[in-house]
Amino acid sequence: MFFSKLFSRSVHDDHGQHQELLPAGVVRIQGTCKSLTVWRKSLIISCNGFTVIDSNGNLVYRVDNYVGHPKELILMDGSGKSIFTTRRCKKLRLTESWNVYEAEMGEGDQDAASESTRSSKKPVWCVKKGINIFRGNSNVLAYVYKGSSSNKKCAKYVIEGSYAQRSCKVVDEAKRVVAEVKRKDAMIGGISFGVEVFLLVVQSGFDPGFAMALLVLLDQMFS
């Protein structure tokens, strides 16, 4: 609880200093960007996950079922309402991939009948981990496709950079940065944030909830 209060206050104190965190070439216009602070920890005791707050210290997103590398994760808003479910694809492929569904899909260990019912719901996005075997672009972390498509040429978004360094960006088909993960180098009350607390900067027009879902998948891929 003590760290949570410090964490919340630091976001409020940093508000107004986010201009320097924008991608190169992006002009800061009032209301254009949404800056969120991500804490790689659940506020629920005994649970691992993510806690995301806005510049006013309000809880906006959370993940509470993050243990190891689960097959299914649920991203919720601050009130606990499910926004997206990410599920690891079971098919054998050259590289790992995940489907993203709207709202909650249910637990992955339910009976076959329930699994069949859930499978009838089509994914809204497919995210495929980038591979460097062919050395095409070693900077690519993942490709994001609309629906269940996985043709590299049809990727709607490409995620580039280094998640381990908390320095990566989501780029659209027009080569515009629509979201970016950045380090939050700060020390509050003698506590250093390190890489467990960082920033998610989302451009206007891009769903911040979806940006957070992509961030969770990056953590699955590279942690």
Protein backbone atom coordinates (compact mmCIF):
# COMPACT_ATOMS: atom_id res chain seq x y z
CA MET A 1 0.00 0.00 0.00
CA PHE A 2 2.86 2.38 0.81
CA PHE A 3 4.50 1.83 -2.58
CA SER A 4 1.12 2.19 -4.30
CA LYS A 5 0.68 5.67 -2.80
CA LEU A 6 4.16 6.72 -3.85
CA PHE A 7 3.54 5.28 -7.30
CA SER A 8 0.29 7.20 -7.69
CA ARG A 9 1.83 10.47 -6.47
CA SER A 10 4.79 10.14 -8.83
CA VAL A 11 2.46 9.91 -11.83
CA HIS A 12 0.64 13.05 -10.73
CA ASP A 13 3.92 14.88 -10.14
CA ASP A 14 5.27 13.84 -13.55
CA HIS A 15 2.20 15.12 -15.36
CA GLY A 16 3.19 17.92 -17.68
CA GLN A 17 6.69 16.50 -18.18
CA HIS A 18 5.66 13.97 -20.84
CA GLN A 19 6.47 16.15 -23.82
CA GLU A 20 10.06 14.86 -23.98
CA LEU A 21 8.75 11.27 -23.97
CA LEU A 22 6.99 11.58 -27.33
CA PRO A 23 8.45 9.88 -30.43
CA ALA A 24 10.73 12.02 -32.58
CA GLY A 25 8.79 14.13 -35.05
CA VAL A 26 5.51 14.03 -33.09
CA VAL A 27 4.22 17.46 -32.14
CA ARG A 28 2.67 17.77 -28.70
CA ILE A 29 -0.93 19.03 -29.00
CA GLN A 30 -3.24 19.26 -26.01
CA GLY A 31 -5.21 16.02 -25.81
CA THR A 32 -3.24 14.28 -28.57
CA CYS A 33 -1.39 11.74 -26.42
CA LYS A 34 -2.44 9.63 -23.46
CA SER A 35 0.34 8.83 -21.00
CA LEU A 36 -0.15 5.84 -18.71
CA THR A 37 2.14 4.47 -16.05
CA VAL A 38 2.41 0.69 -15.95
CA TRP A 39 3.37 -1.17 -12.80
CA ARG A 40 4.33 -4.79 -13.44
CA LYS A 41 2.51 -5.97 -10.33
CA SER A 42 -1.06 -6.76 -9.31
CA LEU A 43 -2.66 -4.82 -6.46
CA ILE A 44 -4.28 -8.08 -5.32
CA ILE A 45 -2.27 -9.96 -2.71
CA SER A 46 -0.83 -13.29 -3.94
CA CYS A 47 -1.51 -12.42 -7.58
CA ASN A 48 0.95 -11.42 -10.29
CA GLY A 49 -0.13 -9.04 -13.01
CA PHE A 50 -0.16 -5.43 -14.15
CA THR A 51 -1.55 -2.23 -12.67
CA VAL A 52 -2.02 0.79 -14.95
CA ILE A 53 -2.87 4.31 -13.79
CA ASP A 54 -3.41 7.58 -15.61
CA SER A 55 -1.82 10.98 -14.97
CA ASN A 56 -4.32 11.69 -12.18
CA GLY A 57 -3.49 8.51 -10.29
CA ASN A 58 -6.69 6.73 -11.33
CA LEU A 59 -6.63 2.97 -11.91
CA VAL A 60 -7.54 2.41 -15.58
CA TYR A 61 -6.35 -1.13 -16.46
CA ARG A 62 -5.32 -4.27 -14.61
CA VAL A 63 -4.28 -7.87 -15.12
CA ASP A 64 -4.54 -10.17 -12.11
CA ASN A 65 -4.13 -13.67 -13.57
CA TYR A 66 -0.52 -13.39 -14.71
CA VAL A 67 1.51 -16.34 -13.41
CA GLY A 68 4.45 -17.64 -15.44
CA HIS A 69 3.38 -17.87 -19.08
CA PRO A 70 -0.35 -18.65 -18.96
CA LYS A 71 -2.20 -19.70 -22.11
CA GLU A 72 -4.89 -17.12 -21.48
CA LEU A 73 -4.85 -13.63 -19.97
CA ILE A 74 -7.67 -11.19 -19.31
CA LEU A 75 -7.16 -7.42 -19.47
CA MET A 76 -9.68 -5.53 -17.35
CA ASP A 77 -10.50 -1.89 -16.82
CA GLY A 78 -10.16 -0.27 -13.41
CA SER A 79 -13.58 -1.55 -12.26
CA GLY A 80 -12.77 -5.15 -13.18
CA LYS A 81 -14.74 -5.30 -16.45
CA SER A 82 -13.07 -7.51 -19.07
CA ILE A 83 -11.81 -5.65 -22.16
CA PHE A 84 -9.65 -8.15 -24.03
CA THR A 85 -8.68 -11.79 -23.66
CA THR A 86 -5.36 -12.93 -25.15
CA ARG A 87 -4.89 -16.61 -25.88
CA ARG A 88 -1.77 -18.44 -27.05
CA CYS A 89 -2.36 -20.35 -30.30
CA LYS A 90 -2.11 -24.12 -29.90
CA LYS A 91 -1.13 -24.95 -33.47
CA LEU A 92 2.46 -25.92 -34.16
CA ARG A 93 4.11 -23.04 -35.99
CA LEU A 94 7.57 -21.72 -36.71
CA THR A 95 7.03 -18.92 -34.24
CA GLU A 96 4.72 -18.18 -31.33
CA SER A 97 1.44 -16.37 -31.90
CA TRP A 98 -1.54 -15.18 -29.86
CA ASN A 99 -5.15 -14.34 -30.66
CA VAL A 100 -6.85 -11.34 -29.09
CA TYR A 101 -10.59 -11.49 -28.38
CA GLU A 102 -12.97 -8.84 -27.18
CA ALA A 103 -14.11 -9.14 -23.55
CA GLU A 104 -13.73 -12.34 -21.54
CA MET A 105 -13.55 -15.74 -23.21
CA GLY A 106 -13.52 -17.99 -20.15
CA GLU A 107 -10.98 -20.26 -18.54
CA GLY A 108 -8.82 -22.43 -20.77
CA ASP A 109 -9.35 -25.61 -18.74
CA GLN A 110 -13.13 -25.89 -19.06
CA ASP A 111 -14.82 -28.89 -20.69
CA ALA A 112 -14.80 -29.62 -24.43
CA ALA A 113 -18.33 -28.33 -24.97
CA SER A 114 -17.48 -24.93 -23.50
CA GLU A 115 -14.22 -24.86 -25.46
CA SER A 116 -16.17 -25.46 -28.66
CA THR A 117 -18.55 -22.62 -27.82
CA ARG A 118 -15.70 -20.22 -27.09
CA SER A 119 -13.87 -21.23 -30.27
CA SER A 120 -16.86 -20.04 -32.33
CA LYS A 121 -15.99 -16.48 -31.37
CA LYS A 122 -13.50 -15.10 -33.84
CA PRO A 123 -10.41 -13.17 -32.72
CA VAL A 124 -10.28 -9.46 -33.48
CA TRP A 125 -6.47 -9.48 -33.69
CA CYS A 126 -3.63 -11.93 -34.15
CA VAL A 127 -0.15 -11.12 -32.80
CA LYS A 128 2.85 -13.05 -34.08
CA LYS A 129 6.28 -12.92 -32.45
CA GLY A 130 9.05 -11.69 -34.76
CA ILE A 131 11.91 -14.04 -35.58
CA ASN A 132 15.45 -13.22 -36.70
CA ILE A 133 16.23 -16.43 -38.58
CA PHE A 134 16.24 -14.72 -41.95
CA ARG A 135 17.67 -11.44 -40.60
CA GLY A 136 15.04 -9.45 -42.47
CA ASN A 137 14.54 -6.88 -39.71
CA SER A 138 16.10 -7.93 -36.40
CA ASN A 139 14.49 -4.90 -34.75
CA VAL A 140 10.95 -6.28 -35.18
CA LEU A 141 9.46 -7.73 -31.99
CA ALA A 142 6.03 -8.67 -33.31
CA TYR A 143 3.55 -8.36 -36.17
CA VAL A 144 -0.10 -7.48 -35.53
CA TYR A 145 -2.81 -8.66 -37.93
CA LYS A 146 -6.50 -7.90 -38.20
CA GLY A 147 -8.61 -10.96 -37.38
CA SER A 148 -6.81 -14.29 -37.69
CA SER A 149 -4.64 -13.43 -40.71
CA SER A 150 -0.90 -14.09 -40.36
CA ASN A 151 0.48 -12.98 -43.72
CA LYS A 152 3.44 -10.70 -42.97
CA LYS A 153 2.50 -8.45 -45.90
CA CYS A 154 -0.94 -7.89 -44.34
CA ALA A 155 0.32 -6.75 -40.94
CA LYS A 156 -1.66 -3.73 -39.70
CA TYR A 157 0.98 -2.87 -37.10
CA VAL A 158 4.62 -3.74 -36.45
CA ILE A 159 6.18 -3.54 -32.99
CA GLU A 160 9.86 -2.58 -32.99
CA GLY A 161 12.59 -1.99 -30.43
CA SER A 162 13.56 -3.74 -27.19
CA TYR A 163 11.00 -4.70 -24.58
CA ALA A 164 13.71 -5.75 -22.12
CA GLN A 165 14.98 -2.17 -22.19
CA ARG A 166 11.40 -0.82 -22.10
CA SER A 167 12.04 0.97 -25.38
CA CYS A 168 9.69 -0.07 -28.17
CA LYS A 169 7.01 1.37 -30.42
CA VAL A 170 3.93 0.27 -32.34
CA VAL A 171 4.05 1.49 -35.95
CA ASP A 172 1.09 1.49 -38.35
CA GLU A 173 1.02 0.87 -42.10
CA ALA A 174 1.82 4.53 -42.78
CA LYS A 175 4.97 4.26 -40.60
CA ARG A 176 3.44 6.41 -37.89
CA VAL A 177 4.10 5.67 -34.22
CA VAL A 178 0.73 5.02 -32.58
CA ALA A 179 1.98 3.81 -29.20
CA GLU A 180 5.31 3.62 -27.40
CA VAL A 181 6.80 2.03 -24.31
CA LYS A 182 9.36 4.14 -22.48
CA ARG A 183 11.50 3.91 -19.35
CA LYS A 184 10.36 5.81 -16.29
CA ASP A 185 13.64 6.61 -14.61
CA ALA A 186 12.74 8.02 -11.23
CA MET A 187 13.27 7.49 -7.53
CA ILE A 188 10.52 8.34 -5.09
CA GLY A 189 10.94 7.98 -1.34
CA GLY A 190 14.16 6.02 -1.82
CA ILE A 191 12.46 3.46 -4.07
CA SER A 192 13.86 3.07 -7.59
CA PHE A 193 11.31 2.04 -10.23
CA GLY A 194 13.80 0.25 -12.52
CA VAL A 195 12.07 -1.69 -15.32
CA GLU A 196 9.08 -2.74 -13.21
CA VAL A 197 7.42 0.67 -13.61
CA PHE A 198 7.39 2.29 -17.05
CA LEU A 199 5.37 4.49 -19.38
CA LEU A 200 2.91 3.63 -22.14
CA VAL A 201 2.33 6.63 -24.41
CA VAL A 202 -0.65 6.26 -26.78
CA GLN A 203 -1.41 8.59 -29.66
CA SER A 204 -4.91 9.95 -30.25
CA GLY A 205 -7.04 7.59 -32.34
CA PHE A 206 -5.36 4.42 -31.10
CA ASP A 207 -7.17 2.38 -28.45
CA PRO A 208 -5.15 2.56 -25.20
CA GLY A 209 -6.77 -0.68 -24.04
CA PHE A 210 -5.51 -2.49 -27.13
CA ALA A 211 -2.09 -0.87 -26.65
CA MET A 212 -2.03 -2.34 -23.13
CA ALA A 213 -3.05 -5.76 -24.48
CA LEU A 214 -0.09 -5.61 -26.89
CA LEU A 215 2.20 -4.67 -24.00
CA VAL A 216 1.05 -7.70 -22.01
CA LEU A 217 1.82 -9.92 -25.01
CA LEU A 218 5.30 -8.39 -25.34
CA ASP A 219 5.88 -9.33 -21.72
CA GLN A 220 4.79 -12.88 -22.56
CA MET A 221 7.18 -13.02 -25.50
CA PHE A 222 10.28 -11.47 -23.98
CA SER A 223 10.19 -11.98 -20.19
